[in-house]
Amino acid sequence: MDNAHGKQFGDSEKDEDAEVLPRFKGLPNITEGVENIHLHLMQRHLYLYPADGSHTKWMAPQVIILFESGNINQVVDAVVNDLKHPIGYGLIASILVQEPLRQPLVRRLKARMELMDERIANHPNFQHTLKMIERMNCKSVFIEEFDVTDKQKLYGRMKERSPLVILDFPQIYFGERPSAIITLNTFRNLNEAIQLCLREGLNFDTVSVWTTKLTEGYDLVSALAMFPNFKFNCINVPFQTTALVVVNNNYHYEVLSVSGELITIVFPIQYNMS
């Protein structure tokens, strides 16, 4: 039967005796039992953030390998910047630092940390990581806040929205999805750096090597050839080159174009791939 507006009563948007409107029957009621619907929907939105989907899988993660002779200040700058929003495309996921620089690096990171984006602090990925950290009793670096009334407490608790750098654990321990934290591990020599890099369990898009000894960088190119991009003493610099570089039989060959002239360079690589 039609009403005055030409609609059939069976197709109306409201049933007097039904809790769920007819056209929504069979669909989940996402607001059932929720007092603040707006806040509830905003919380659900966190699962869809960031918009590029980089919270669902690692996208072009980077690893920093900092040798004793590397520029620690520039490494700290890069890490602190990525910690403000540690889910996204092309971000630093892991740091490997040579033993003598471990404590200086930890101190400088702790002093320079800034609060995370609020959406990341409340994101399910980060909340899952917090549970894993508690379960595994991980040592971590974070922004501290102290209770001024507690004179006996030597260490502060983690401040809300503080970023996290996890010590002595690889990323693979925190699940398959981006963890919203950066891991930091320590190596004594080149071979340990290689093993730790592989232990992280990520397909790194870029290996950023910081050292004044160029041969250390090229040794890593040979040993970690499964990763496509290497940057020496820099990070987040786009590749713009037509030069030819070849590693063959543990020798490095490269042809450089300098002022229109081709120059050939060759030198041995210490790390043996066999």
C-alpha atoms as a PDB file:
ATOM      1  CA  MET A   1       0.000   0.000   0.000  1.00  0.00           C
ATOM      2  CA  ASP A   2       1.293   3.469  -0.889  1.00  0.00           C
ATOM      3  CA  ASN A   3       1.363   6.477   1.399  1.00  0.00           C
ATOM      4  CA  ALA A   4       0.870  10.082   0.375  1.00  0.00           C
ATOM      5  CA  HIS A   5       4.431  10.350  -0.884  1.00  0.00           C
ATOM      6  CA  GLY A   6       4.252   7.315  -3.147  1.00  0.00           C
ATOM      7  CA  LYS A   7       6.357   5.057  -0.886  1.00  0.00           C
ATOM      8  CA  GLN A   8       5.332   1.574   0.053  1.00  0.00           C
ATOM      9  CA  PHE A   9       5.072   1.040   3.798  1.00  0.00           C
ATOM     10  CA  GLY A  10       7.144  -2.149   3.450  1.00  0.00           C
ATOM     11  CA  ASP A  11      10.111  -0.102   2.145  1.00  0.00           C
ATOM     12  CA  SER A  12      10.021   2.548   4.846  1.00  0.00           C
ATOM     13  CA  GLU A  13      13.259   3.409   6.650  1.00  0.00           C
ATOM     14  CA  LYS A  14      11.781   2.637  10.077  1.00  0.00           C
ATOM     15  CA  ASP A  15       9.905  -0.344  11.399  1.00  0.00           C
ATOM     16  CA  GLU A  16       7.890   0.319  14.531  1.00  0.00           C
ATOM     17  CA  ASP A  17       8.567  -3.147  15.969  1.00  0.00           C
ATOM     18  CA  ALA A  18      12.124  -3.692  14.688  1.00  0.00           C
ATOM     19  CA  GLU A  19      15.371  -2.584  16.332  1.00  0.00           C
ATOM     20  CA  VAL A  20      17.302  -2.712  13.041  1.00  0.00           C
ATOM     21  CA  LEU A  21      15.984  -0.978   9.934  1.00  0.00           C
ATOM     22  CA  PRO A  22      14.934  -3.427   7.170  1.00  0.00           C
ATOM     23  CA  ARG A  23      17.645  -2.456   4.654  1.00  0.00           C
ATOM     24  CA  PHE A  24      20.364  -2.923   7.324  1.00  0.00           C
ATOM     25  CA  LYS A  25      19.170  -6.343   8.541  1.00  0.00           C
ATOM     26  CA  GLY A  26      21.990  -8.899   8.501  1.00  0.00           C
ATOM     27  CA  LEU A  27      24.706  -6.244   8.933  1.00  0.00           C
ATOM     28  CA  PRO A  28      26.693  -5.860  12.184  1.00  0.00           C
ATOM     29  CA  ASN A  29      25.580  -3.061  14.477  1.00  0.00           C
ATOM     30  CA  ILE A  30      28.923  -1.280  15.040  1.00  0.00           C
ATOM     31  CA  THR A  31      27.493   1.160  17.564  1.00  0.00           C
ATOM     32  CA  GLU A  32      25.658  -1.294  19.810  1.00  0.00           C
ATOM     33  CA  GLY A  33      26.330  -0.490  23.463  1.00  0.00           C
ATOM     34  CA  VAL A  34      28.356   2.624  22.579  1.00  0.00           C
ATOM     35  CA  GLU A  35      27.540   5.838  24.419  1.00  0.00           C
ATOM     36  CA  ASN A  36      29.786   8.219  22.428  1.00  0.00           C
ATOM     37  CA  ILE A  37      29.249   7.217  18.802  1.00  0.00           C
ATOM     38  CA  HIS A  38      31.591   9.903  17.397  1.00  0.00           C
ATOM     39  CA  LEU A  39      34.485   8.793  19.621  1.00  0.00           C
ATOM     40  CA  HIS A  40      33.802   5.150  18.762  1.00  0.00           C
ATOM     41  CA  LEU A  41      33.930   5.825  15.029  1.00  0.00           C
ATOM     42  CA  MET A  42      37.125   7.859  15.418  1.00  0.00           C
ATOM     43  CA  GLN A  43      38.737   4.930  17.240  1.00  0.00           C
ATOM     44  CA  ARG A  44      37.744   2.610  14.389  1.00  0.00           C
ATOM     45  CA  HIS A  45      39.363   5.063  11.983  1.00  0.00           C
ATOM     46  CA  LEU A  46      42.719   4.399  13.636  1.00  0.00           C
ATOM     47  CA  TYR A  47      42.724   0.954  12.044  1.00  0.00           C
ATOM     48  CA  LEU A  48      42.683   2.620   8.620  1.00  0.00           C
ATOM     49  CA  TYR A  49      45.527   5.057   9.336  1.00  0.00           C
ATOM     50  CA  PRO A  50      47.829   5.932   7.572  1.00  0.00           C
ATOM     51  CA  ALA A  51      45.874   6.219   4.342  1.00  0.00           C
ATOM     52  CA  ASP A  52      48.659   4.622   2.240  1.00  0.00           C
ATOM     53  CA  GLY A  53      48.164   1.303   4.050  1.00  0.00           C
ATOM     54  CA  SER A  54      51.682   1.299   5.505  1.00  0.00           C
ATOM     55  CA  HIS A  55      50.234   0.171   8.847  1.00  0.00           C
ATOM     56  CA  THR A  56      49.273  -3.175   7.302  1.00  0.00           C
ATOM     57  CA  LYS A  57      52.703  -4.114   5.911  1.00  0.00           C
ATOM     58  CA  TRP A  58      56.253  -2.787   5.900  1.00  0.00           C
ATOM     59  CA  MET A  59      56.801  -0.430   2.967  1.00  0.00           C
ATOM     60  CA  ALA A  60      60.439   0.288   2.026  1.00  0.00           C
ATOM     61  CA  PRO A  61      61.855   0.074   5.578  1.00  0.00           C
ATOM     62  CA  GLN A  62      65.394   1.295   6.191  1.00  0.00           C
ATOM     63  CA  VAL A  63      68.190   0.052   8.450  1.00  0.00           C
ATOM     64  CA  ILE A  64      71.027   2.210   9.772  1.00  0.00           C
ATOM     65  CA  ILE A  65      74.434   0.615  10.385  1.00  0.00           C
ATOM     66  CA  LEU A  66      76.550   2.997  12.450  1.00  0.00           C
ATOM     67  CA  PHE A  67      80.257   2.179  12.763  1.00  0.00           C
ATOM     68  CA  GLU A  68      82.505   3.678  15.428  1.00  0.00           C
ATOM     69  CA  SER A  69      83.843   6.273  12.980  1.00  0.00           C
ATOM     70  CA  GLY A  70      80.388   7.285  11.692  1.00  0.00           C
ATOM     71  CA  ASN A  71      78.624  10.601  12.244  1.00  0.00           C
ATOM     72  CA  ILE A  72      76.454   9.952  15.305  1.00  0.00           C
ATOM     73  CA  ASN A  73      74.804  13.394  15.228  1.00  0.00           C
ATOM     74  CA  GLN A  74      73.365  12.953  11.751  1.00  0.00           C
ATOM     75  CA  VAL A  75      72.106   9.484  12.660  1.00  0.00           C
ATOM     76  CA  VAL A  76      70.350  10.907  15.737  1.00  0.00           C
ATOM     77  CA  ASP A  77      68.726  13.622  13.593  1.00  0.00           C
ATOM     78  CA  ALA A  78      67.303  11.039  11.180  1.00  0.00           C
ATOM     79  CA  VAL A  79      66.070   8.676  13.902  1.00  0.00           C
ATOM     80  CA  VAL A  80      64.407  11.382  16.020  1.00  0.00           C
ATOM     81  CA  ASN A  81      62.571  12.657  12.962  1.00  0.00           C
ATOM     82  CA  ASP A  82      61.155   9.224  12.093  1.00  0.00           C
ATOM     83  CA  LEU A  83      60.221   8.473  15.705  1.00  0.00           C
ATOM     84  CA  LYS A  84      57.647  11.273  15.653  1.00  0.00           C
ATOM     85  CA  HIS A  85      55.551   9.214  13.225  1.00  0.00           C
ATOM     86  CA  PRO A  86      56.989   5.678  13.200  1.00  0.00           C
ATOM     87  CA  ILE A  87      54.472   4.146  10.810  1.00  0.00           C
ATOM     88  CA  GLY A  88      54.748   5.008   7.146  1.00  0.00           C
ATOM     89  CA  TYR A  89      56.644   4.599   3.910  1.00  0.00           C
ATOM     90  CA  GLY A  90      60.450   4.481   3.867  1.00  0.00           C
ATOM     91  CA  LEU A  91      60.986   4.910   7.605  1.00  0.00           C
ATOM     92  CA  ILE A  92      63.871   3.709   9.768  1.00  0.00           C
ATOM     93  CA  ALA A  93      62.928   0.365  11.316  1.00  0.00           C
ATOM     94  CA  SER A  94      66.246  -0.751  12.804  1.00  0.00           C
ATOM     95  CA  ILE A  95      69.567   0.635  14.011  1.00  0.00           C
ATOM     96  CA  LEU A  96      72.775  -1.375  14.311  1.00  0.00           C
ATOM     97  CA  VAL A  97      75.489   0.452  16.227  1.00  0.00           C
ATOM     98  CA  GLN A  98      79.092  -0.537  16.880  1.00  0.00           C
ATOM     99  CA  GLU A  99      79.776  -1.173  20.564  1.00  0.00           C
ATOM    100  CA  PRO A 100      81.777   1.984  21.456  1.00  0.00           C
ATOM    101  CA  LEU A 101      78.923   4.233  20.244  1.00  0.00           C
ATOM    102  CA  ARG A 102      76.032   2.389  21.868  1.00  0.00           C
ATOM    103  CA  GLN A 103      75.804   4.396  25.095  1.00  0.00           C
ATOM    104  CA  PRO A 104      76.439   7.795  23.454  1.00  0.00           C
ATOM    105  CA  LEU A 105      73.748   7.013  20.882  1.00  0.00           C
ATOM    106  CA  VAL A 106      71.218   5.930  23.528  1.00  0.00           C
ATOM    107  CA  ARG A 107      71.871   9.056  25.619  1.00  0.00           C
ATOM    108  CA  ARG A 108      71.469  11.405  22.662  1.00  0.00           C
ATOM    109  CA  LEU A 109      68.308   9.719  21.436  1.00  0.00           C
ATOM    110  CA  LYS A 110      66.770   9.937  24.883  1.00  0.00           C
ATOM    111  CA  ALA A 111      67.656  13.629  25.154  1.00  0.00           C
ATOM    112  CA  ARG A 112      66.296  14.477  21.694  1.00  0.00           C
ATOM    113  CA  MET A 113      63.064  12.448  21.543  1.00  0.00           C
ATOM    114  CA  GLU A 114      59.805  14.259  20.766  1.00  0.00           C
ATOM    115  CA  LEU A 115      56.227  13.113  21.349  1.00  0.00           C
ATOM    116  CA  MET A 116      54.592  10.941  18.712  1.00  0.00           C
ATOM    117  CA  ASP A 117      51.607  11.821  16.591  1.00  0.00           C
ATOM    118  CA  GLU A 118      48.533  11.122  18.741  1.00  0.00           C
ATOM    119  CA  ARG A 119      47.062   8.809  16.115  1.00  0.00           C
ATOM    120  CA  ILE A 120      50.136   6.564  16.275  1.00  0.00           C
ATOM    121  CA  ALA A 121      50.192   6.494  20.075  1.00  0.00           C
ATOM    122  CA  ASN A 122      46.631   5.117  20.039  1.00  0.00           C
ATOM    123  CA  HIS A 123      47.017   2.927  16.961  1.00  0.00           C
ATOM    124  CA  PRO A 124      46.342  -0.823  17.398  1.00  0.00           C
ATOM    125  CA  ASN A 125      49.811  -1.652  15.996  1.00  0.00           C
ATOM    126  CA  PHE A 126      51.509   0.361  18.723  1.00  0.00           C
ATOM    127  CA  GLN A 127      49.188  -0.970  21.411  1.00  0.00           C
ATOM    128  CA  HIS A 128      50.016  -4.521  20.311  1.00  0.00           C
ATOM    129  CA  THR A 129      53.724  -3.711  20.479  1.00  0.00           C
ATOM    130  CA  LEU A 130      53.347  -2.377  24.018  1.00  0.00           C
ATOM    131  CA  LYS A 131      51.850  -5.708  25.079  1.00  0.00           C
ATOM    132  CA  MET A 132      54.716  -7.602  23.427  1.00  0.00           C
ATOM    133  CA  ILE A 133      57.281  -5.384  25.168  1.00  0.00           C
ATOM    134  CA  GLU A 134      55.689  -6.089  28.539  1.00  0.00           C
ATOM    135  CA  ARG A 135      55.499  -9.806  27.836  1.00  0.00           C
ATOM    136  CA  MET A 136      59.153 -10.070  26.770  1.00  0.00           C
ATOM    137  CA  ASN A 137      60.379  -7.576  29.372  1.00  0.00           C
ATOM    138  CA  CYS A 138      62.265  -5.551  26.745  1.00  0.00           C
ATOM    139  CA  LYS A 139      64.672  -2.797  27.687  1.00  0.00           C
ATOM    140  CA  SER A 140      63.657   0.428  25.978  1.00  0.00           C
ATOM    141  CA  VAL A 141      64.487   4.088  25.508  1.00  0.00           C
ATOM    142  CA  PHE A 142      61.637   6.590  25.949  1.00  0.00           C
ATOM    143  CA  ILE A 143      60.690  10.029  27.239  1.00  0.00           C
ATOM    144  CA  GLU A 144      60.443   9.843  31.018  1.00  0.00           C
ATOM    145  CA  GLU A 145      58.173  11.713  33.386  1.00  0.00           C
ATOM    146  CA  PHE A 146      58.687  11.740  37.155  1.00  0.00           C
ATOM    147  CA  ASP A 147      56.388  11.933  40.137  1.00  0.00           C
ATOM    148  CA  VAL A 148      57.774  14.886  42.076  1.00  0.00           C
ATOM    149  CA  THR A 149      56.258  13.552  45.302  1.00  0.00           C
ATOM    150  CA  ASP A 150      58.210  10.294  45.086  1.00  0.00           C
ATOM    151  CA  LYS A 151      61.705  11.227  46.236  1.00  0.00           C
ATOM    152  CA  GLN A 152      62.939   7.613  46.223  1.00  0.00           C
ATOM    153  CA  LYS A 153      62.139   6.822  42.598  1.00  0.00           C
ATOM    154  CA  LEU A 154      65.283   6.986  40.480  1.00  0.00           C
ATOM    155  CA  TYR A 155      63.645   6.306  37.124  1.00  0.00           C
ATOM    156  CA  GLY A 156      60.547   7.850  35.628  1.00  0.00           C
ATOM    157  CA  ARG A 157      57.653   6.165  33.877  1.00  0.00           C
ATOM    158  CA  MET A 158      57.078   6.458  30.149  1.00  0.00           C
ATOM    159  CA  LYS A 159      55.342   9.672  29.202  1.00  0.00           C
ATOM    160  CA  GLU A 160      52.116   9.409  27.246  1.00  0.00           C
ATOM    161  CA  ARG A 161      52.753   9.489  23.455  1.00  0.00           C
ATOM    162  CA  SER A 162      56.459   8.833  23.988  1.00  0.00           C
ATOM    163  CA  PRO A 163      58.176   7.027  21.104  1.00  0.00           C
ATOM    164  CA  LEU A 164      60.073   3.821  21.815  1.00  0.00           C
ATOM    165  CA  VAL A 165      63.466   2.453  20.838  1.00  0.00           C
ATOM    166  CA  ILE A 166      63.727  -1.203  21.864  1.00  0.00           C
ATOM    167  CA  LEU A 167      67.154  -2.526  22.826  1.00  0.00           C
ATOM    168  CA  ASP A 168      68.584  -5.945  21.911  1.00  0.00           C
ATOM    169  CA  PHE A 169      65.522  -7.345  20.133  1.00  0.00           C
ATOM    170  CA  PRO A 170      64.971  -7.661  16.349  1.00  0.00           C
ATOM    171  CA  GLN A 171      61.841  -6.367  14.622  1.00  0.00           C
ATOM    172  CA  ILE A 172      60.685  -9.881  13.764  1.00  0.00           C
ATOM    173  CA  TYR A 173      59.821 -10.458  17.445  1.00  0.00           C
ATOM    174  CA  PHE A 174      57.031  -7.869  17.304  1.00  0.00           C
ATOM    175  CA  GLY A 175      54.932  -9.452  14.562  1.00  0.00           C
ATOM    176  CA  GLU A 176      54.500  -9.088  10.829  1.00  0.00           C
ATOM    177  CA  ARG A 177      52.833  -5.677  10.781  1.00  0.00           C
ATOM    178  CA  PRO A 178      54.761  -2.411  11.289  1.00  0.00           C
ATOM    179  CA  SER A 179      55.437  -2.189  15.011  1.00  0.00           C
ATOM    180  CA  ALA A 180      55.593   1.629  15.435  1.00  0.00           C
ATOM    181  CA  ILE A 181      58.929   1.264  17.249  1.00  0.00           C
ATOM    182  CA  ILE A 182      62.585   1.238  16.184  1.00  0.00           C
ATOM    183  CA  THR A 183      64.906  -1.555  17.305  1.00  0.00           C
ATOM    184  CA  LEU A 184      68.537  -0.963  18.303  1.00  0.00           C
ATOM    185  CA  ASN A 185      71.165  -3.708  18.434  1.00  0.00           C
ATOM    186  CA  THR A 186      74.922  -3.653  19.023  1.00  0.00           C
ATOM    187  CA  PHE A 187      77.713  -5.243  16.998  1.00  0.00           C
ATOM    188  CA  ARG A 188      81.441  -5.581  17.617  1.00  0.00           C
ATOM    189  CA  ASN A 189      82.676  -6.233  14.088  1.00  0.00           C
ATOM    190  CA  LEU A 190      81.560  -6.360  10.478  1.00  0.00           C
ATOM    191  CA  ASN A 191      80.435 -10.000  10.562  1.00  0.00           C
ATOM    192  CA  GLU A 192      78.220  -9.366  13.587  1.00  0.00           C
ATOM    193  CA  ALA A 193      76.654  -6.364  11.837  1.00  0.00           C
ATOM    194  CA  ILE A 194      75.787  -8.585   8.874  1.00  0.00           C
ATOM    195  CA  GLN A 195      74.257 -11.290  11.078  1.00  0.00           C
ATOM    196  CA  LEU A 196      72.205  -8.776  13.071  1.00  0.00           C
ATOM    197  CA  CYS A 197      70.918  -7.108   9.916  1.00  0.00           C
ATOM    198  CA  LEU A 198      69.657 -10.448   8.611  1.00  0.00           C
ATOM    199  CA  ARG A 199      68.191 -11.301  12.029  1.00  0.00           C
ATOM    200  CA  GLU A 200      65.869  -8.269  11.879  1.00  0.00           C
ATOM    201  CA  GLY A 201      63.717 -10.275   9.492  1.00  0.00           C
ATOM    202  CA  LEU A 202      62.715  -7.376   7.202  1.00  0.00           C
ATOM    203  CA  ASN A 203      63.243  -6.882   3.490  1.00  0.00           C
ATOM    204  CA  PHE A 204      65.047  -3.579   3.827  1.00  0.00           C
ATOM    205  CA  ASP A 205      64.736  -1.238   0.891  1.00  0.00           C
ATOM    206  CA  THR A 206      67.773   0.806   1.994  1.00  0.00           C
ATOM    207  CA  VAL A 207      70.865   0.103   4.074  1.00  0.00           C
ATOM    208  CA  SER A 208      72.293   3.388   5.360  1.00  0.00           C
ATOM    209  CA  VAL A 209      75.955   2.878   6.321  1.00  0.00           C
ATOM    210  CA  TRP A 210      77.784   5.430   8.452  1.00  0.00           C
ATOM    211  CA  THR A 211      81.576   5.108   8.489  1.00  0.00           C
ATOM    212  CA  THR A 212      84.713   6.957   7.438  1.00  0.00           C
ATOM    213  CA  LYS A 213      86.164   3.668   6.136  1.00  0.00           C
ATOM    214  CA  LEU A 214      84.652   3.250   2.699  1.00  0.00           C
ATOM    215  CA  THR A 215      85.718  -0.384   2.484  1.00  0.00           C
ATOM    216  CA  GLU A 216      83.365  -1.221   5.387  1.00  0.00           C
ATOM    217  CA  GLY A 217      80.471   0.092   3.331  1.00  0.00           C
ATOM    218  CA  TYR A 218      81.424  -1.893   0.252  1.00  0.00           C
ATOM    219  CA  ASP A 219      81.934  -5.033   2.335  1.00  0.00           C
ATOM    220  CA  LEU A 220      78.304  -4.680   3.427  1.00  0.00           C
ATOM    221  CA  VAL A 221      77.207  -4.268  -0.202  1.00  0.00           C
ATOM    222  CA  SER A 222      78.784  -7.630  -0.963  1.00  0.00           C
ATOM    223  CA  ALA A 223      77.396  -9.413   2.095  1.00  0.00           C
ATOM    224  CA  LEU A 224      73.887  -7.910   1.992  1.00  0.00           C
ATOM    225  CA  ALA A 225      73.357  -7.966  -1.748  1.00  0.00           C
ATOM    226  CA  MET A 226      69.730  -9.077  -1.254  1.00  0.00           C
ATOM    227  CA  PHE A 227      68.885  -5.482  -0.302  1.00  0.00           C
ATOM    228  CA  PRO A 228      68.587  -3.154  -3.318  1.00  0.00           C
ATOM    229  CA  ASN A 229      69.866   0.241  -2.122  1.00  0.00           C
ATOM    230  CA  PHE A 230      72.918   1.327  -0.144  1.00  0.00           C
ATOM    231  CA  LYS A 231      73.692   4.838   1.023  1.00  0.00           C
ATOM    232  CA  PHE A 232      77.018   5.786   2.570  1.00  0.00           C
ATOM    233  CA  ASN A 233      76.981   8.534   5.208  1.00  0.00           C
ATOM    234  CA  CYS A 234      73.557   9.777   4.133  1.00  0.00           C
ATOM    235  CA  ILE A 235      69.898   8.801   4.269  1.00  0.00           C
ATOM    236  CA  ASN A 236      66.703   9.824   2.445  1.00  0.00           C
ATOM    237  CA  VAL A 237      68.719  11.031  -0.547  1.00  0.00           C
ATOM    238  CA  PRO A 238      67.136  10.050  -3.917  1.00  0.00           C
ATOM    239  CA  PHE A 239      69.201   7.936  -6.287  1.00  0.00           C
ATOM    240  CA  GLN A 240      70.109   9.919  -9.394  1.00  0.00           C
ATOM    241  CA  THR A 241      72.944   8.289 -11.271  1.00  0.00           C
ATOM    242  CA  THR A 242      73.834   6.600 -14.552  1.00  0.00           C
ATOM    243  CA  ALA A 243      77.127   5.182 -13.266  1.00  0.00           C
ATOM    244  CA  LEU A 244      77.911   1.477 -13.592  1.00  0.00           C
ATOM    245  CA  VAL A 245      78.912  -0.520 -10.518  1.00  0.00           C
ATOM    246  CA  VAL A 246      79.710  -4.253 -10.469  1.00  0.00           C
ATOM    247  CA  VAL A 247      80.772  -6.609  -7.668  1.00  0.00           C
ATOM    248  CA  ASN A 248      82.406  -9.769  -9.036  1.00  0.00           C
ATOM    249  CA  ASN A 249      84.702 -12.368  -7.459  1.00  0.00           C
ATOM    250  CA  ASN A 250      85.041 -10.252  -4.315  1.00  0.00           C
ATOM    251  CA  TYR A 251      86.269  -7.227  -6.287  1.00  0.00           C
ATOM    252  CA  HIS A 252      84.374  -3.992  -6.591  1.00  0.00           C
ATOM    253  CA  TYR A 253      84.293  -2.375 -10.034  1.00  0.00           C
ATOM    254  CA  GLU A 254      82.731   0.960 -10.797  1.00  0.00           C
ATOM    255  CA  VAL A 255      82.733   3.339 -13.706  1.00  0.00           C
ATOM    256  CA  LEU A 256      82.219   6.977 -12.781  1.00  0.00           C
ATOM    257  CA  SER A 257      81.409   9.894 -15.011  1.00  0.00           C
ATOM    258  CA  VAL A 258      83.414  12.931 -13.903  1.00  0.00           C
ATOM    259  CA  SER A 259      83.088  16.101 -15.975  1.00  0.00           C
ATOM    260  CA  GLY A 260      82.188  14.003 -18.997  1.00  0.00           C
ATOM    261  CA  GLU A 261      85.171  11.660 -18.584  1.00  0.00           C
ATOM    262  CA  LEU A 262      84.854   7.994 -17.570  1.00  0.00           C
ATOM    263  CA  ILE A 263      87.034   6.849 -14.693  1.00  0.00           C
ATOM    264  CA  THR A 264      87.370   3.188 -13.690  1.00  0.00           C
ATOM    265  CA  ILE A 265      87.949   2.165 -10.076  1.00  0.00           C
ATOM    266  CA  VAL A 266      88.588  -1.324  -8.715  1.00  0.00           C
ATOM    267  CA  PHE A 267      89.490  -2.585  -5.239  1.00  0.00           C
ATOM    268  CA  PRO A 268      89.134  -5.865  -3.299  1.00  0.00           C
ATOM    269  CA  ILE A 269      86.269  -6.502  -0.893  1.00  0.00           C
ATOM    270  CA  GLN A 270      87.300  -8.248   2.311  1.00  0.00           C
ATOM    271  CA  TYR A 271      84.066 -10.088   3.039  1.00  0.00           C
ATOM    272  CA  ASN A 272      83.993 -13.466   1.291  1.00  0.00           C
ATOM    273  CA  MET A 273      80.537 -14.370  -0.015  1.00  0.00           C
ATOM    274  CA  SER A 274      81.370 -18.082  -0.373  1.00  0.00           C
END
